[in-house]
Amino acid sequence: MAKSSDKSAKGKVTGSAGRFGCRYGRFVRKRVAEMEKISRAVHRCPRCDTESLQRKGTGIWGCRKCGYKFAGGAYQPETPGLRVALRAIERSGVVVEEKKQ
């Protein structure tokens, strides 16, 4: 028989979703914890290429180093749809210039 230390907790969710306790179900808490982990992480700035990009609000992202502010996904700066669109633009050969401030 296995010791209790060998077993892993099946439904235990720690981290930011721990504030919900036993409410809302295991998979909802797991999904919320994963989403908040991604949104609160520090991401790479598309302009200055440093890891200083933070979420300012829903879909608003700002770089702490260069001050670059742009609209992106609600919980991550680049959505999967944006990646597909950028890949299609890159393949077509269209040159997209960034607007200078």
C-alpha atoms as a PDB file:
ATOM      1  CA  MET A   1       0.000   0.000   0.000  1.00  0.00           C
ATOM      2  CA  ALA A   2       1.313   3.452  -0.936  1.00  0.00           C
ATOM      3  CA  LYS A   3       2.033   6.071   1.667  1.00  0.00           C
ATOM      4  CA  SER A   4      -0.043   9.222   1.751  1.00  0.00           C
ATOM      5  CA  SER A   5       3.065  11.224   0.782  1.00  0.00           C
ATOM      6  CA  ASP A   6       3.282   9.318  -2.527  1.00  0.00           C
ATOM      7  CA  LYS A   7      -0.197  10.395  -3.562  1.00  0.00           C
ATOM      8  CA  SER A   8      -0.876  13.745  -5.152  1.00  0.00           C
ATOM      9  CA  ALA A   9      -3.917  15.816  -4.294  1.00  0.00           C
ATOM     10  CA  LYS A  10      -6.388  15.275  -7.134  1.00  0.00           C
ATOM     11  CA  GLY A  11      -8.506  18.404  -6.839  1.00  0.00           C
ATOM     12  CA  LYS A  12      -6.213  20.755  -4.960  1.00  0.00           C
ATOM     13  CA  VAL A  13      -5.659  24.062  -6.760  1.00  0.00           C
ATOM     14  CA  THR A  14      -3.208  26.485  -5.229  1.00  0.00           C
ATOM     15  CA  GLY A  15      -2.083  29.883  -6.338  1.00  0.00           C
ATOM     16  CA  SER A  16      -4.391  32.759  -7.189  1.00  0.00           C
ATOM     17  CA  ALA A  17      -7.512  30.548  -7.435  1.00  0.00           C
ATOM     18  CA  GLY A  18      -7.019  29.405  -3.853  1.00  0.00           C
ATOM     19  CA  ARG A  19      -9.104  32.392  -2.783  1.00  0.00           C
ATOM     20  CA  PHE A  20     -12.216  30.620  -4.118  1.00  0.00           C
ATOM     21  CA  GLY A  21     -11.848  27.751  -1.633  1.00  0.00           C
ATOM     22  CA  CYS A  22     -13.976  24.768  -2.636  1.00  0.00           C
ATOM     23  CA  ARG A  23     -16.415  26.855  -4.702  1.00  0.00           C
ATOM     24  CA  TYR A  24     -17.015  26.920  -8.505  1.00  0.00           C
ATOM     25  CA  GLY A  25     -15.552  23.515  -9.343  1.00  0.00           C
ATOM     26  CA  ARG A  26     -12.066  22.199  -9.913  1.00  0.00           C
ATOM     27  CA  PHE A  27     -11.729  22.947 -13.627  1.00  0.00           C
ATOM     28  CA  VAL A  28     -13.002  26.530 -13.358  1.00  0.00           C
ATOM     29  CA  ARG A  29     -10.516  27.252 -10.561  1.00  0.00           C
ATOM     30  CA  LYS A  30      -7.736  25.600 -12.566  1.00  0.00           C
ATOM     31  CA  ARG A  31      -8.575  27.668 -15.660  1.00  0.00           C
ATOM     32  CA  VAL A  32      -8.677  30.914 -13.638  1.00  0.00           C
ATOM     33  CA  ALA A  33      -5.319  30.134 -11.997  1.00  0.00           C
ATOM     34  CA  GLU A  34      -3.715  29.425 -15.391  1.00  0.00           C
ATOM     35  CA  MET A  35      -5.149  32.590 -16.965  1.00  0.00           C
ATOM     36  CA  GLU A  36      -4.039  34.797 -14.063  1.00  0.00           C
ATOM     37  CA  LYS A  37      -0.564  33.276 -14.105  1.00  0.00           C
ATOM     38  CA  ILE A  38      -0.177  34.267 -17.784  1.00  0.00           C
ATOM     39  CA  SER A  39      -1.668  37.744 -17.396  1.00  0.00           C
ATOM     40  CA  ARG A  40       0.419  38.650 -14.324  1.00  0.00           C
ATOM     41  CA  ALA A  41       3.691  37.422 -15.821  1.00  0.00           C
ATOM     42  CA  VAL A  42       6.232  39.811 -17.314  1.00  0.00           C
ATOM     43  CA  HIS A  43       6.278  39.566 -21.113  1.00  0.00           C
ATOM     44  CA  ARG A  44       8.693  40.692 -23.830  1.00  0.00           C
ATOM     45  CA  CYS A  45       8.132  44.191 -25.262  1.00  0.00           C
ATOM     46  CA  PRO A  46       7.660  44.192 -29.064  1.00  0.00           C
ATOM     47  CA  ARG A  47       9.450  47.538 -29.409  1.00  0.00           C
ATOM     48  CA  CYS A  48      12.509  47.419 -27.127  1.00  0.00           C
ATOM     49  CA  ASP A  49      12.660  43.594 -26.800  1.00  0.00           C
ATOM     50  CA  THR A  50      13.148  43.611 -23.012  1.00  0.00           C
ATOM     51  CA  GLU A  51      11.104  41.603 -20.533  1.00  0.00           C
ATOM     52  CA  SER A  52       9.300  44.574 -19.017  1.00  0.00           C
ATOM     53  CA  LEU A  53       5.812  44.388 -20.524  1.00  0.00           C
ATOM     54  CA  GLN A  54       2.928  44.351 -18.055  1.00  0.00           C
ATOM     55  CA  ARG A  55      -0.848  44.271 -18.269  1.00  0.00           C
ATOM     56  CA  LYS A  56      -2.332  47.672 -17.409  1.00  0.00           C
ATOM     57  CA  GLY A  57      -5.991  46.754 -17.867  1.00  0.00           C
ATOM     58  CA  THR A  58      -8.219  44.537 -19.979  1.00  0.00           C
ATOM     59  CA  GLY A  59      -6.425  44.370 -23.330  1.00  0.00           C
ATOM     60  CA  ILE A  60      -4.037  47.244 -22.500  1.00  0.00           C
ATOM     61  CA  TRP A  61      -0.335  46.460 -22.266  1.00  0.00           C
ATOM     62  CA  GLY A  62       2.521  48.809 -21.377  1.00  0.00           C
ATOM     63  CA  CYS A  63       6.285  48.584 -21.256  1.00  0.00           C
ATOM     64  CA  ARG A  64       7.913  49.846 -18.065  1.00  0.00           C
ATOM     65  CA  LYS A  65      11.212  50.598 -19.824  1.00  0.00           C
ATOM     66  CA  CYS A  66      10.351  52.409 -23.067  1.00  0.00           C
ATOM     67  CA  GLY A  67       6.767  53.457 -22.237  1.00  0.00           C
ATOM     68  CA  TYR A  68       5.278  51.745 -25.294  1.00  0.00           C
ATOM     69  CA  LYS A  69       1.549  51.193 -24.794  1.00  0.00           C
ATOM     70  CA  PHE A  70      -0.647  49.133 -27.090  1.00  0.00           C
ATOM     71  CA  ALA A  71      -3.836  47.088 -27.256  1.00  0.00           C
ATOM     72  CA  GLY A  72      -3.486  43.340 -27.261  1.00  0.00           C
ATOM     73  CA  GLY A  73      -5.371  40.364 -25.946  1.00  0.00           C
ATOM     74  CA  ALA A  74      -7.300  40.540 -22.703  1.00  0.00           C
ATOM     75  CA  TYR A  75      -4.949  38.202 -20.847  1.00  0.00           C
ATOM     76  CA  GLN A  76      -1.870  37.953 -23.096  1.00  0.00           C
ATOM     77  CA  PRO A  77      -0.197  40.556 -25.318  1.00  0.00           C
ATOM     78  CA  GLU A  78      -0.365  38.476 -28.505  1.00  0.00           C
ATOM     79  CA  THR A  79      -3.456  36.392 -29.164  1.00  0.00           C
ATOM     80  CA  PRO A  80      -3.280  33.230 -31.287  1.00  0.00           C
ATOM     81  CA  GLY A  81      -5.353  35.024 -33.942  1.00  0.00           C
ATOM     82  CA  LEU A  82      -2.809  37.837 -34.146  1.00  0.00           C
ATOM     83  CA  ARG A  83       0.002  35.335 -34.638  1.00  0.00           C
ATOM     84  CA  VAL A  84      -1.879  33.764 -37.563  1.00  0.00           C
ATOM     85  CA  ALA A  85      -2.537  37.182 -39.117  1.00  0.00           C
ATOM     86  CA  LEU A  86       1.105  38.287 -38.748  1.00  0.00           C
ATOM     87  CA  ARG A  87       2.288  35.042 -40.323  1.00  0.00           C
ATOM     88  CA  ALA A  88      -0.062  35.564 -43.284  1.00  0.00           C
ATOM     89  CA  ILE A  89       1.120  39.165 -43.713  1.00  0.00           C
ATOM     90  CA  GLU A  90       4.742  38.051 -43.531  1.00  0.00           C
ATOM     91  CA  ARG A  91       4.171  35.384 -46.205  1.00  0.00           C
ATOM     92  CA  SER A  92       2.441  37.848 -48.548  1.00  0.00           C
ATOM     93  CA  GLY A  93       5.492  40.106 -48.538  1.00  0.00           C
ATOM     94  CA  VAL A  94       3.663  43.247 -47.430  1.00  0.00           C
ATOM     95  CA  VAL A  95       5.899  45.562 -45.431  1.00  0.00           C
ATOM     96  CA  VAL A  96       4.182  46.994 -42.357  1.00  0.00           C
ATOM     97  CA  GLU A  97       5.811  50.119 -40.942  1.00  0.00           C
ATOM     98  CA  GLU A  98       5.347  51.096 -37.337  1.00  0.00           C
ATOM     99  CA  LYS A  99       3.995  54.576 -36.712  1.00  0.00           C
ATOM    100  CA  LYS A 100       6.661  56.837 -35.192  1.00  0.00           C
ATOM    101  CA  GLN A 101       5.735  58.925 -32.166  1.00  0.00           C
END
